[in-house]
């Protein structure tokens, strides 16, 4: 169980599913679901980040920024050379 998680029994989750899902989505917290006091499930919100196109898209038009390679190219080889 993580620091930012709540615990719900299966019966409580069943009775309050929509309310709990909305709360978890807004807070970003995880939930642990128990069956007779034993943890059986973990509900984890999906955190959506920004894509490379969303971040760098405005700079691809015009001479503001020049890419020597696609900005999402892995850099693992560069780190291994250091």
C-alpha atoms as a PDB file:
ATOM      1  CA  UNK A   1       0.000   0.000   0.000  1.00  0.00           C
ATOM      2  CA  UNK A   2       1.327   3.427  -0.907  1.00  0.00           C
ATOM      3  CA  UNK A   3       1.255   6.556   1.213  1.00  0.00           C
ATOM      4  CA  UNK A   4      -1.510   8.146  -0.922  1.00  0.00           C
ATOM      5  CA  UNK A   5      -4.005   5.291  -0.971  1.00  0.00           C
ATOM      6  CA  UNK A   6      -7.416   4.691   0.530  1.00  0.00           C
ATOM      7  CA  UNK A   7      -8.865   1.339   1.502  1.00  0.00           C
ATOM      8  CA  UNK A   8     -12.373   0.161   0.669  1.00  0.00           C
ATOM      9  CA  UNK A   9     -14.139  -3.142   1.248  1.00  0.00           C
ATOM     10  CA  UNK A  10     -15.682  -4.805  -1.793  1.00  0.00           C
ATOM     11  CA  UNK A  11     -19.181  -4.167  -0.445  1.00  0.00           C
ATOM     12  CA  UNK A  12     -18.478  -0.448   0.163  1.00  0.00           C
ATOM     13  CA  UNK A  13     -16.916  -0.106  -3.285  1.00  0.00           C
ATOM     14  CA  UNK A  14     -19.953  -1.746  -4.890  1.00  0.00           C
ATOM     15  CA  UNK A  15     -22.355   0.624  -3.125  1.00  0.00           C
ATOM     16  CA  UNK A  16     -20.333   3.802  -3.817  1.00  0.00           C
ATOM     17  CA  UNK A  17     -18.439   2.977  -7.032  1.00  0.00           C
ATOM     18  CA  UNK A  18     -19.191   6.135  -9.035  1.00  0.00           C
ATOM     19  CA  UNK A  19     -18.480   8.480  -6.131  1.00  0.00           C
ATOM     20  CA  UNK A  20     -15.198   6.709  -5.321  1.00  0.00           C
ATOM     21  CA  UNK A  21     -14.058   6.664  -8.958  1.00  0.00           C
ATOM     22  CA  UNK A  22     -14.694  10.399  -9.324  1.00  0.00           C
ATOM     23  CA  UNK A  23     -12.783  11.134  -6.126  1.00  0.00           C
ATOM     24  CA  UNK A  24      -9.797   9.007  -7.169  1.00  0.00           C
ATOM     25  CA  UNK A  25      -9.730  10.611 -10.602  1.00  0.00           C
ATOM     26  CA  UNK A  26      -9.695  14.114  -9.100  1.00  0.00           C
ATOM     27  CA  UNK A  27      -7.159  13.434  -6.337  1.00  0.00           C
ATOM     28  CA  UNK A  28      -4.871  11.044  -8.209  1.00  0.00           C
ATOM     29  CA  UNK A  29      -4.874   8.718  -5.192  1.00  0.00           C
ATOM     30  CA  UNK A  30      -4.770   4.943  -5.375  1.00  0.00           C
ATOM     31  CA  UNK A  31      -7.334   2.699  -3.716  1.00  0.00           C
ATOM     32  CA  UNK A  32      -6.907  -0.728  -2.176  1.00  0.00           C
ATOM     33  CA  UNK A  33      -9.938  -3.014  -2.262  1.00  0.00           C
ATOM     34  CA  UNK A  34     -10.266  -5.614   0.483  1.00  0.00           C
ATOM     35  CA  UNK A  35     -12.195  -8.855   0.808  1.00  0.00           C
ATOM     36  CA  UNK A  36     -12.763  -9.775   4.462  1.00  0.00           C
ATOM     37  CA  UNK A  37      -9.908  -7.443   5.450  1.00  0.00           C
ATOM     38  CA  UNK A  38      -7.422  -8.939   2.958  1.00  0.00           C
ATOM     39  CA  UNK A  39      -6.167  -6.680   0.122  1.00  0.00           C
ATOM     40  CA  UNK A  40      -7.208  -8.125  -3.247  1.00  0.00           C
ATOM     41  CA  UNK A  41      -7.154  -5.243  -5.761  1.00  0.00           C
ATOM     42  CA  UNK A  42      -5.437  -1.932  -6.348  1.00  0.00           C
ATOM     43  CA  UNK A  43      -7.126   0.810  -8.353  1.00  0.00           C
ATOM     44  CA  UNK A  44      -4.571   3.170  -9.887  1.00  0.00           C
ATOM     45  CA  UNK A  45      -5.515   6.324 -11.821  1.00  0.00           C
ATOM     46  CA  UNK A  46      -3.920   6.797 -15.224  1.00  0.00           C
ATOM     47  CA  UNK A  47      -1.769   9.912 -15.302  1.00  0.00           C
ATOM     48  CA  UNK A  48      -1.738  11.418 -18.725  1.00  0.00           C
ATOM     49  CA  UNK A  49       1.251  13.507 -19.691  1.00  0.00           C
ATOM     50  CA  UNK A  50       1.792  15.657 -22.720  1.00  0.00           C
ATOM     51  CA  UNK A  51       3.015  14.157 -25.979  1.00  0.00           C
ATOM     52  CA  UNK A  52       6.171  15.384 -27.688  1.00  0.00           C
ATOM     53  CA  UNK A  53       4.001  16.967 -30.383  1.00  0.00           C
ATOM     54  CA  UNK A  54       1.980  18.879 -27.786  1.00  0.00           C
ATOM     55  CA  UNK A  55       5.123  20.254 -26.168  1.00  0.00           C
ATOM     56  CA  UNK A  56       7.309  20.941 -29.213  1.00  0.00           C
ATOM     57  CA  UNK A  57       4.645  21.318 -31.937  1.00  0.00           C
ATOM     58  CA  UNK A  58       4.470  25.124 -31.840  1.00  0.00           C
ATOM     59  CA  UNK A  59       8.251  25.334 -32.318  1.00  0.00           C
ATOM     60  CA  UNK A  60       8.346  23.110 -35.407  1.00  0.00           C
ATOM     61  CA  UNK A  61       6.970  25.890 -37.597  1.00  0.00           C
ATOM     62  CA  UNK A  62       9.425  28.579 -38.635  1.00  0.00           C
ATOM     63  CA  UNK A  63      13.046  29.209 -37.614  1.00  0.00           C
ATOM     64  CA  UNK A  64      12.398  29.401 -33.853  1.00  0.00           C
ATOM     65  CA  UNK A  65      13.975  26.040 -33.131  1.00  0.00           C
ATOM     66  CA  UNK A  66      15.997  23.608 -35.234  1.00  0.00           C
ATOM     67  CA  UNK A  67      15.881  19.870 -34.493  1.00  0.00           C
ATOM     68  CA  UNK A  68      18.917  17.847 -35.524  1.00  0.00           C
ATOM     69  CA  UNK A  69      16.935  14.681 -34.815  1.00  0.00           C
ATOM     70  CA  UNK A  70      13.389  13.947 -33.660  1.00  0.00           C
ATOM     71  CA  UNK A  71      12.978  15.233 -30.085  1.00  0.00           C
ATOM     72  CA  UNK A  72      11.612  11.886 -28.898  1.00  0.00           C
ATOM     73  CA  UNK A  73      14.688   9.923 -30.026  1.00  0.00           C
ATOM     74  CA  UNK A  74      16.057   7.851 -27.117  1.00  0.00           C
ATOM     75  CA  UNK A  75      19.315   9.174 -25.662  1.00  0.00           C
ATOM     76  CA  UNK A  76      20.506   5.978 -23.989  1.00  0.00           C
ATOM     77  CA  UNK A  77      23.564   5.743 -26.275  1.00  0.00           C
ATOM     78  CA  UNK A  78      24.598   9.265 -25.388  1.00  0.00           C
ATOM     79  CA  UNK A  79      24.464   8.487 -21.665  1.00  0.00           C
ATOM     80  CA  UNK A  80      26.512   5.315 -22.104  1.00  0.00           C
ATOM     81  CA  UNK A  81      29.300   7.298 -23.846  1.00  0.00           C
ATOM     82  CA  UNK A  82      29.779   9.663 -20.909  1.00  0.00           C
END
